Amino acid sequence: MSISTFASGSFTYAQEAVWGKWKQWILLVVAYLITSFTLFLIPVFNGYVVSVLSGKTPAPEVENWGKLFVDGWKLNIVALIYMIPVIIILIIFGAATLPFVIAGAAMGDMTGVVPDQAIIGAIGELMAGLFIAFIIGIIISFIAYTGVVRFAKTGSIGEAFNFGEIFGHIGKIGWLNYIFAIIALWVIIFVFAFIIGILGAIPLIGWLISLFLGPPLSIFTWRYVAMLYESVPA
């Protein structure tokens, strides 16, 4: 299957999930808002994402909110575990800036001026940490995409970290094909997000347009990931 097939199939899937189904669309927006405003503590929209990742066709109905909550928290746990290396790197480099901050503060107390070396050192350590964390995050995301699909299809959090199966499955797709497909997805998301941002600037109704386009974009994204996974036998 080609990237154009993934994109067109995912677009159709997302369109059919909401177009002409106003009740469904509104429920998705409600779930989206609940998840966002509670900072993923009530991750009901994430639970819906799990249904999409599991490969259900057509797009599932928004129902059984208790199950959506539980599945959403399982997805939260998977995401948090995958983020651990990035969090550790940020903590390490954040701690590494402390000597510069302390030294600068001490010199500032004595002279009234914070040395440029302290400022430059702190900024340098922070920027290095952010850069390394960004690169590690990208690398992890390639693995995590397949991991979350495995979790969604099996219902087992452990399968999200079955790296032997994950690497084997990506190998079947072809690493270059897989990476290129994910990068293409990121480009598509960026373009759509840019368009949504422009629409959001429309006075009075822009925010409402953006709000209603958020869930379909998310559905498109995760259906694309599911289709990429399903492009070869498990």
C-alpha atoms as a PDB file:
ATOM      1  CA  MET A   1       0.000   0.000   0.000  1.00  0.00           C
ATOM      2  CA  SER A   2       1.201   3.512  -0.831  1.00  0.00           C
ATOM      3  CA  ILE A   3       1.204   6.697   1.199  1.00  0.00           C
ATOM      4  CA  SER A   4      -1.548   8.078  -1.033  1.00  0.00           C
ATOM      5  CA  THR A   5      -3.648   5.011  -0.179  1.00  0.00           C
ATOM      6  CA  PHE A   6      -3.067   5.533   3.548  1.00  0.00           C
ATOM      7  CA  ALA A   7      -3.916   9.230   3.261  1.00  0.00           C
ATOM      8  CA  SER A   8      -7.034   8.827   1.122  1.00  0.00           C
ATOM      9  CA  GLY A   9      -8.291   5.870   3.148  1.00  0.00           C
ATOM     10  CA  SER A  10      -7.767   7.725   6.419  1.00  0.00           C
ATOM     11  CA  PHE A  11      -9.442  10.858   5.080  1.00  0.00           C
ATOM     12  CA  THR A  12     -12.487   8.864   3.974  1.00  0.00           C
ATOM     13  CA  TYR A  13     -12.583   7.079   7.338  1.00  0.00           C
ATOM     14  CA  ALA A  14     -12.482  10.368   9.271  1.00  0.00           C
ATOM     15  CA  GLN A  15     -15.049  11.937   6.969  1.00  0.00           C
ATOM     16  CA  GLU A  16     -17.457   9.043   7.371  1.00  0.00           C
ATOM     17  CA  ALA A  17     -16.981   9.210  11.147  1.00  0.00           C
ATOM     18  CA  VAL A  18     -18.499  12.696  11.358  1.00  0.00           C
ATOM     19  CA  TRP A  19     -20.011  13.903   8.097  1.00  0.00           C
ATOM     20  CA  GLY A  20     -23.788  13.895   8.284  1.00  0.00           C
ATOM     21  CA  LYS A  21     -23.579  12.484  11.817  1.00  0.00           C
ATOM     22  CA  TRP A  22     -24.007  15.618  13.914  1.00  0.00           C
ATOM     23  CA  LYS A  23     -24.695  13.789  17.162  1.00  0.00           C
ATOM     24  CA  GLN A  24     -21.545  11.692  16.718  1.00  0.00           C
ATOM     25  CA  TRP A  25     -19.509  14.772  15.796  1.00  0.00           C
ATOM     26  CA  ILE A  26     -20.711  16.707  18.837  1.00  0.00           C
ATOM     27  CA  LEU A  27     -19.991  13.757  21.136  1.00  0.00           C
ATOM     28  CA  LEU A  28     -16.460  13.565  19.727  1.00  0.00           C
ATOM     29  CA  VAL A  29     -15.981  17.278  20.376  1.00  0.00           C
ATOM     30  CA  VAL A  30     -17.261  16.822  23.940  1.00  0.00           C
ATOM     31  CA  ALA A  31     -14.856  13.907  24.504  1.00  0.00           C
ATOM     32  CA  TYR A  32     -12.052  15.972  22.952  1.00  0.00           C
ATOM     33  CA  LEU A  33     -12.770  18.908  25.266  1.00  0.00           C
ATOM     34  CA  ILE A  34     -13.060  16.746  28.383  1.00  0.00           C
ATOM     35  CA  THR A  35      -9.721  15.096  27.645  1.00  0.00           C
ATOM     36  CA  SER A  36      -7.986  18.405  26.887  1.00  0.00           C
ATOM     37  CA  PHE A  37      -9.349  20.466  29.777  1.00  0.00           C
ATOM     38  CA  THR A  38      -8.660  17.754  32.354  1.00  0.00           C
ATOM     39  CA  LEU A  39      -5.088  17.418  31.023  1.00  0.00           C
ATOM     40  CA  PHE A  40      -5.767  13.787  30.082  1.00  0.00           C
ATOM     41  CA  LEU A  41      -6.951  12.865  33.582  1.00  0.00           C
ATOM     42  CA  ILE A  42     -10.318  11.963  32.048  1.00  0.00           C
ATOM     43  CA  PRO A  43      -8.970  10.638  28.734  1.00  0.00           C
ATOM     44  CA  VAL A  44     -12.225   9.593  27.072  1.00  0.00           C
ATOM     45  CA  PHE A  45     -11.108  10.826  23.653  1.00  0.00           C
ATOM     46  CA  ASN A  46      -7.942   8.744  24.008  1.00  0.00           C
ATOM     47  CA  GLY A  47     -10.221   5.774  24.601  1.00  0.00           C
ATOM     48  CA  TYR A  48     -11.905   6.490  21.286  1.00  0.00           C
ATOM     49  CA  VAL A  49      -8.466   6.678  19.657  1.00  0.00           C
ATOM     50  CA  VAL A  50      -7.784   3.158  20.948  1.00  0.00           C
ATOM     51  CA  SER A  51     -10.891   1.966  19.083  1.00  0.00           C
ATOM     52  CA  VAL A  52      -9.617   3.595  15.894  1.00  0.00           C
ATOM     53  CA  LEU A  53      -6.154   2.070  16.347  1.00  0.00           C
ATOM     54  CA  SER A  54      -7.673  -1.365  16.879  1.00  0.00           C
ATOM     55  CA  GLY A  55      -8.770  -1.304  13.250  1.00  0.00           C
ATOM     56  CA  LYS A  56     -12.521  -1.071  13.696  1.00  0.00           C
ATOM     57  CA  THR A  57     -14.304  -0.204  10.461  1.00  0.00           C
ATOM     58  CA  PRO A  58     -16.314   1.829   9.911  1.00  0.00           C
ATOM     59  CA  ALA A  59     -15.367   4.364  12.549  1.00  0.00           C
ATOM     60  CA  PRO A  60     -16.826   3.290  15.914  1.00  0.00           C
ATOM     61  CA  GLU A  61     -19.662   5.095  17.639  1.00  0.00           C
ATOM     62  CA  VAL A  62     -18.968   7.204  20.726  1.00  0.00           C
ATOM     63  CA  GLU A  63     -20.495   5.027  23.421  1.00  0.00           C
ATOM     64  CA  ASN A  64     -19.696   3.162  26.637  1.00  0.00           C
ATOM     65  CA  TRP A  65     -17.898   6.098  28.247  1.00  0.00           C
ATOM     66  CA  GLY A  66     -16.641   3.935  31.088  1.00  0.00           C
ATOM     67  CA  LYS A  67     -14.706   1.772  28.636  1.00  0.00           C
ATOM     68  CA  LEU A  68     -13.435   4.875  26.853  1.00  0.00           C
ATOM     69  CA  PHE A  69     -12.108   6.146  30.192  1.00  0.00           C
ATOM     70  CA  VAL A  70     -10.331   2.874  31.011  1.00  0.00           C
ATOM     71  CA  ASP A  71      -8.875   2.439  27.509  1.00  0.00           C
ATOM     72  CA  GLY A  72      -7.831   6.074  27.523  1.00  0.00           C
ATOM     73  CA  TRP A  73      -5.891   5.606  30.740  1.00  0.00           C
ATOM     74  CA  LYS A  74      -4.211   2.515  29.354  1.00  0.00           C
ATOM     75  CA  LEU A  75      -3.085   4.589  26.373  1.00  0.00           C
ATOM     76  CA  ASN A  76      -1.897   7.297  28.781  1.00  0.00           C
ATOM     77  CA  ILE A  77       0.231   4.728  30.604  1.00  0.00           C
ATOM     78  CA  VAL A  78       1.741   3.461  27.354  1.00  0.00           C
ATOM     79  CA  ALA A  79       2.546   7.015  26.258  1.00  0.00           C
ATOM     80  CA  LEU A  80       4.069   7.927  29.629  1.00  0.00           C
ATOM     81  CA  ILE A  81       6.326   4.867  29.631  1.00  0.00           C
ATOM     82  CA  TYR A  82       7.543   5.685  26.128  1.00  0.00           C
ATOM     83  CA  MET A  83       8.259   9.245  27.287  1.00  0.00           C
ATOM     84  CA  ILE A  84      10.467   8.158  30.203  1.00  0.00           C
ATOM     85  CA  PRO A  85      13.803   8.435  28.286  1.00  0.00           C
ATOM     86  CA  VAL A  86      12.908  11.957  27.143  1.00  0.00           C
ATOM     87  CA  ILE A  87      11.873  12.967  30.665  1.00  0.00           C
ATOM     88  CA  ILE A  88      15.137  11.584  32.105  1.00  0.00           C
ATOM     89  CA  ILE A  89      17.208  13.538  29.564  1.00  0.00           C
ATOM     90  CA  LEU A  90      15.354  16.751  30.369  1.00  0.00           C
ATOM     91  CA  ILE A  91      15.882  16.199  34.105  1.00  0.00           C
ATOM     92  CA  ILE A  92      19.617  15.499  33.636  1.00  0.00           C
ATOM     93  CA  PHE A  93      20.236  18.579  31.530  1.00  0.00           C
ATOM     94  CA  GLY A  94      17.949  20.664  33.713  1.00  0.00           C
ATOM     95  CA  ALA A  95      20.042  19.651  36.716  1.00  0.00           C
ATOM     96  CA  ALA A  96      23.215  20.424  34.753  1.00  0.00           C
ATOM     97  CA  THR A  97      22.163  24.062  34.478  1.00  0.00           C
ATOM     98  CA  LEU A  98      22.019  24.429  38.266  1.00  0.00           C
ATOM     99  CA  PRO A  99      25.781  25.056  38.780  1.00  0.00           C
ATOM    100  CA  PHE A 100      25.624  27.918  36.289  1.00  0.00           C
ATOM    101  CA  VAL A 101      22.496  29.335  37.911  1.00  0.00           C
ATOM    102  CA  ILE A 102      23.944  29.045  41.426  1.00  0.00           C
ATOM    103  CA  ALA A 103      27.284  30.523  40.378  1.00  0.00           C
ATOM    104  CA  GLY A 104      25.554  33.337  38.544  1.00  0.00           C
ATOM    105  CA  ALA A 105      23.315  34.075  41.511  1.00  0.00           C
ATOM    106  CA  ALA A 106      26.298  34.118  43.868  1.00  0.00           C
ATOM    107  CA  MET A 107      28.265  36.477  41.645  1.00  0.00           C
ATOM    108  CA  GLY A 108      25.180  38.612  41.198  1.00  0.00           C
ATOM    109  CA  ASP A 109      24.808  38.957  44.964  1.00  0.00           C
ATOM    110  CA  MET A 110      28.432  40.025  45.309  1.00  0.00           C
ATOM    111  CA  THR A 111      28.776  42.295  42.297  1.00  0.00           C
ATOM    112  CA  GLY A 112      25.224  43.144  41.332  1.00  0.00           C
ATOM    113  CA  VAL A 113      25.869  41.713  37.852  1.00  0.00           C
ATOM    114  CA  VAL A 114      25.249  38.159  36.676  1.00  0.00           C
ATOM    115  CA  PRO A 115      28.274  37.006  34.597  1.00  0.00           C
ATOM    116  CA  ASP A 116      27.691  36.379  30.904  1.00  0.00           C
ATOM    117  CA  GLN A 117      29.443  33.011  31.247  1.00  0.00           C
ATOM    118  CA  ALA A 118      26.811  31.822  33.705  1.00  0.00           C
ATOM    119  CA  ILE A 119      23.964  32.879  31.431  1.00  0.00           C
ATOM    120  CA  ILE A 120      25.582  31.386  28.334  1.00  0.00           C
ATOM    121  CA  GLY A 121      26.433  28.171  30.190  1.00  0.00           C
ATOM    122  CA  ALA A 122      22.899  27.719  31.491  1.00  0.00           C
ATOM    123  CA  ILE A 123      21.343  28.438  28.094  1.00  0.00           C
ATOM    124  CA  GLY A 124      23.842  26.134  26.384  1.00  0.00           C
ATOM    125  CA  GLU A 125      23.080  23.223  28.695  1.00  0.00           C
ATOM    126  CA  LEU A 126      19.346  23.795  28.342  1.00  0.00           C
ATOM    127  CA  MET A 127      19.462  23.991  24.533  1.00  0.00           C
ATOM    128  CA  ALA A 128      21.628  20.872  24.337  1.00  0.00           C
ATOM    129  CA  GLY A 129      19.175  18.993  26.526  1.00  0.00           C
ATOM    130  CA  LEU A 130      16.185  20.108  24.472  1.00  0.00           C
ATOM    131  CA  PHE A 131      17.916  19.127  21.223  1.00  0.00           C
ATOM    132  CA  ILE A 132      18.902  15.665  22.457  1.00  0.00           C
ATOM    133  CA  ALA A 133      15.445  15.120  23.959  1.00  0.00           C
ATOM    134  CA  PHE A 134      13.876  16.141  20.639  1.00  0.00           C
ATOM    135  CA  ILE A 135      16.003  13.676  18.645  1.00  0.00           C
ATOM    136  CA  ILE A 136      15.381  10.852  21.123  1.00  0.00           C
ATOM    137  CA  GLY A 137      11.668  11.676  21.082  1.00  0.00           C
ATOM    138  CA  ILE A 138      11.542  11.354  17.299  1.00  0.00           C
ATOM    139  CA  ILE A 139      13.343   8.004  17.373  1.00  0.00           C
ATOM    140  CA  ILE A 140      11.042   6.690  20.107  1.00  0.00           C
ATOM    141  CA  SER A 141       7.938   7.868  18.260  1.00  0.00           C
ATOM    142  CA  PHE A 142       8.730   5.613  15.289  1.00  0.00           C
ATOM    143  CA  ILE A 143       8.682   2.619  17.625  1.00  0.00           C
ATOM    144  CA  ALA A 144       5.750   3.877  19.694  1.00  0.00           C
ATOM    145  CA  TYR A 145       3.406   4.144  16.700  1.00  0.00           C
ATOM    146  CA  THR A 146       3.596   0.404  16.128  1.00  0.00           C
ATOM    147  CA  GLY A 147       3.564  -0.237  19.866  1.00  0.00           C
ATOM    148  CA  VAL A 148       0.273   1.580  20.432  1.00  0.00           C
ATOM    149  CA  VAL A 149      -1.376  -0.294  17.563  1.00  0.00           C
ATOM    150  CA  ARG A 150      -0.285  -3.601  19.084  1.00  0.00           C
ATOM    151  CA  PHE A 151      -1.735  -2.489  22.414  1.00  0.00           C
ATOM    152  CA  ALA A 152      -5.018  -1.423  20.809  1.00  0.00           C
ATOM    153  CA  LYS A 153      -5.418  -4.669  18.886  1.00  0.00           C
ATOM    154  CA  THR A 154      -4.592  -6.965  21.807  1.00  0.00           C
ATOM    155  CA  GLY A 155      -5.785  -4.911  24.785  1.00  0.00           C
ATOM    156  CA  SER A 156      -2.482  -5.719  26.490  1.00  0.00           C
ATOM    157  CA  ILE A 157      -0.249  -2.875  27.684  1.00  0.00           C
ATOM    158  CA  GLY A 158       2.668  -5.300  27.623  1.00  0.00           C
ATOM    159  CA  GLU A 159       2.273  -5.768  23.858  1.00  0.00           C
ATOM    160  CA  ALA A 160       3.031  -2.075  23.401  1.00  0.00           C
ATOM    161  CA  PHE A 161       6.558  -2.921  24.549  1.00  0.00           C
ATOM    162  CA  ASN A 162       7.011  -6.272  22.816  1.00  0.00           C
ATOM    163  CA  PHE A 163      10.003  -4.897  20.947  1.00  0.00           C
ATOM    164  CA  GLY A 164      10.829  -8.159  19.219  1.00  0.00           C
ATOM    165  CA  GLU A 165       7.406  -8.193  17.553  1.00  0.00           C
ATOM    166  CA  ILE A 166       7.461  -4.429  16.998  1.00  0.00           C
ATOM    167  CA  PHE A 167      10.821  -4.464  15.204  1.00  0.00           C
ATOM    168  CA  GLY A 168       9.831  -7.585  13.302  1.00  0.00           C
ATOM    169  CA  HIS A 169       6.621  -5.974  12.074  1.00  0.00           C
ATOM    170  CA  ILE A 170       8.368  -2.770  11.029  1.00  0.00           C
ATOM    171  CA  GLY A 171      10.921  -4.942   9.243  1.00  0.00           C
ATOM    172  CA  LYS A 172       8.125  -6.543   7.220  1.00  0.00           C
ATOM    173  CA  ILE A 173       6.942  -3.108   6.140  1.00  0.00           C
ATOM    174  CA  GLY A 174      10.520  -2.060   5.456  1.00  0.00           C
ATOM    175  CA  TRP A 175      12.259   0.453   7.704  1.00  0.00           C
ATOM    176  CA  LEU A 176      12.729   3.049   4.972  1.00  0.00           C
ATOM    177  CA  ASN A 177       9.130   2.671   3.790  1.00  0.00           C
ATOM    178  CA  TYR A 178       7.901   2.904   7.374  1.00  0.00           C
ATOM    179  CA  ILE A 179       9.943   5.979   8.287  1.00  0.00           C
ATOM    180  CA  PHE A 180       9.013   7.726   5.042  1.00  0.00           C
ATOM    181  CA  ALA A 181       5.309   6.990   5.657  1.00  0.00           C
ATOM    182  CA  ILE A 182       5.483   8.426   9.187  1.00  0.00           C
ATOM    183  CA  ILE A 183       7.320  11.544   8.001  1.00  0.00           C
ATOM    184  CA  ALA A 184       4.680  11.978   5.289  1.00  0.00           C
ATOM    185  CA  LEU A 185       2.022  11.762   8.002  1.00  0.00           C
ATOM    186  CA  TRP A 186       3.763  14.496   9.997  1.00  0.00           C
ATOM    187  CA  VAL A 187       3.841  16.726   6.921  1.00  0.00           C
ATOM    188  CA  ILE A 188       0.128  16.139   6.294  1.00  0.00           C
ATOM    189  CA  ILE A 189      -0.693  16.886   9.940  1.00  0.00           C
ATOM    190  CA  PHE A 190       1.357  20.094   9.782  1.00  0.00           C
ATOM    191  CA  VAL A 191      -0.468  21.266   6.652  1.00  0.00           C
ATOM    192  CA  PHE A 192      -3.906  20.496   8.090  1.00  0.00           C
ATOM    193  CA  ALA A 193      -2.996  22.060  11.446  1.00  0.00           C
ATOM    194  CA  PHE A 194      -1.795  25.177   9.616  1.00  0.00           C
ATOM    195  CA  ILE A 195      -5.084  25.402   7.723  1.00  0.00           C
ATOM    196  CA  ILE A 196      -7.062  24.883  10.932  1.00  0.00           C
ATOM    197  CA  GLY A 197      -4.994  27.629  12.553  1.00  0.00           C
ATOM    198  CA  ILE A 198      -5.873  30.032   9.733  1.00  0.00           C
ATOM    199  CA  LEU A 199      -9.557  29.137   9.982  1.00  0.00           C
ATOM    200  CA  GLY A 200      -9.331  29.625  13.725  1.00  0.00           C
ATOM    201  CA  ALA A 201      -8.376  33.259  13.143  1.00  0.00           C
ATOM    202  CA  ILE A 202     -11.764  34.010  11.560  1.00  0.00           C
ATOM    203  CA  PRO A 203     -13.560  36.444  13.886  1.00  0.00           C
ATOM    204  CA  LEU A 204     -16.351  35.069  16.075  1.00  0.00           C
ATOM    205  CA  ILE A 205     -16.666  31.602  14.509  1.00  0.00           C
ATOM    206  CA  GLY A 206     -13.027  30.657  13.949  1.00  0.00           C
ATOM    207  CA  TRP A 207     -12.611  29.003  17.327  1.00  0.00           C
ATOM    208  CA  LEU A 208     -15.733  26.913  16.731  1.00  0.00           C
ATOM    209  CA  ILE A 209     -14.492  25.750  13.321  1.00  0.00           C
ATOM    210  CA  SER A 210     -11.135  24.757  14.831  1.00  0.00           C
ATOM    211  CA  LEU A 211     -12.863  22.941  17.665  1.00  0.00           C
ATOM    212  CA  PHE A 212     -14.956  20.831  15.304  1.00  0.00           C
ATOM    213  CA  LEU A 213     -12.023  20.040  12.990  1.00  0.00           C
ATOM    214  CA  GLY A 214      -9.753  18.828  15.817  1.00  0.00           C
ATOM    215  CA  PRO A 215     -11.377  15.405  16.349  1.00  0.00           C
ATOM    216  CA  PRO A 216     -11.516  14.497  12.613  1.00  0.00           C
ATOM    217  CA  LEU A 217      -7.824  15.379  12.258  1.00  0.00           C
ATOM    218  CA  SER A 218      -7.002  13.115  15.194  1.00  0.00           C
ATOM    219  CA  ILE A 219      -9.123  10.302  13.737  1.00  0.00           C
ATOM    220  CA  PHE A 220      -7.346  10.742  10.392  1.00  0.00           C
ATOM    221  CA  THR A 221      -3.949  10.549  12.102  1.00  0.00           C
ATOM    222  CA  TRP A 222      -4.572   7.358  14.047  1.00  0.00           C
ATOM    223  CA  ARG A 223      -6.413   5.623  11.219  1.00  0.00           C
ATOM    224  CA  TYR A 224      -3.353   6.315   9.047  1.00  0.00           C
ATOM    225  CA  VAL A 225      -1.129   4.703  11.689  1.00  0.00           C
ATOM    226  CA  ALA A 226      -3.467   1.698  11.901  1.00  0.00           C
ATOM    227  CA  MET A 227      -3.514   1.309   8.099  1.00  0.00           C
ATOM    228  CA  LEU A 228       0.282   1.461   7.993  1.00  0.00           C
ATOM    229  CA  TYR A 229       0.443  -1.334  10.575  1.00  0.00           C
ATOM    230  CA  GLU A 230      -2.148  -3.396   8.699  1.00  0.00           C
ATOM    231  CA  SER A 231      -0.328  -3.031   5.374  1.00  0.00           C
ATOM    232  CA  VAL A 232       1.518  -6.282   6.142  1.00  0.00           C
ATOM    233  CA  PRO A 233       0.358  -9.421   8.003  1.00  0.00           C
ATOM    234  CA  ALA A 234       0.852  -9.305  11.779  1.00  0.00           C
END
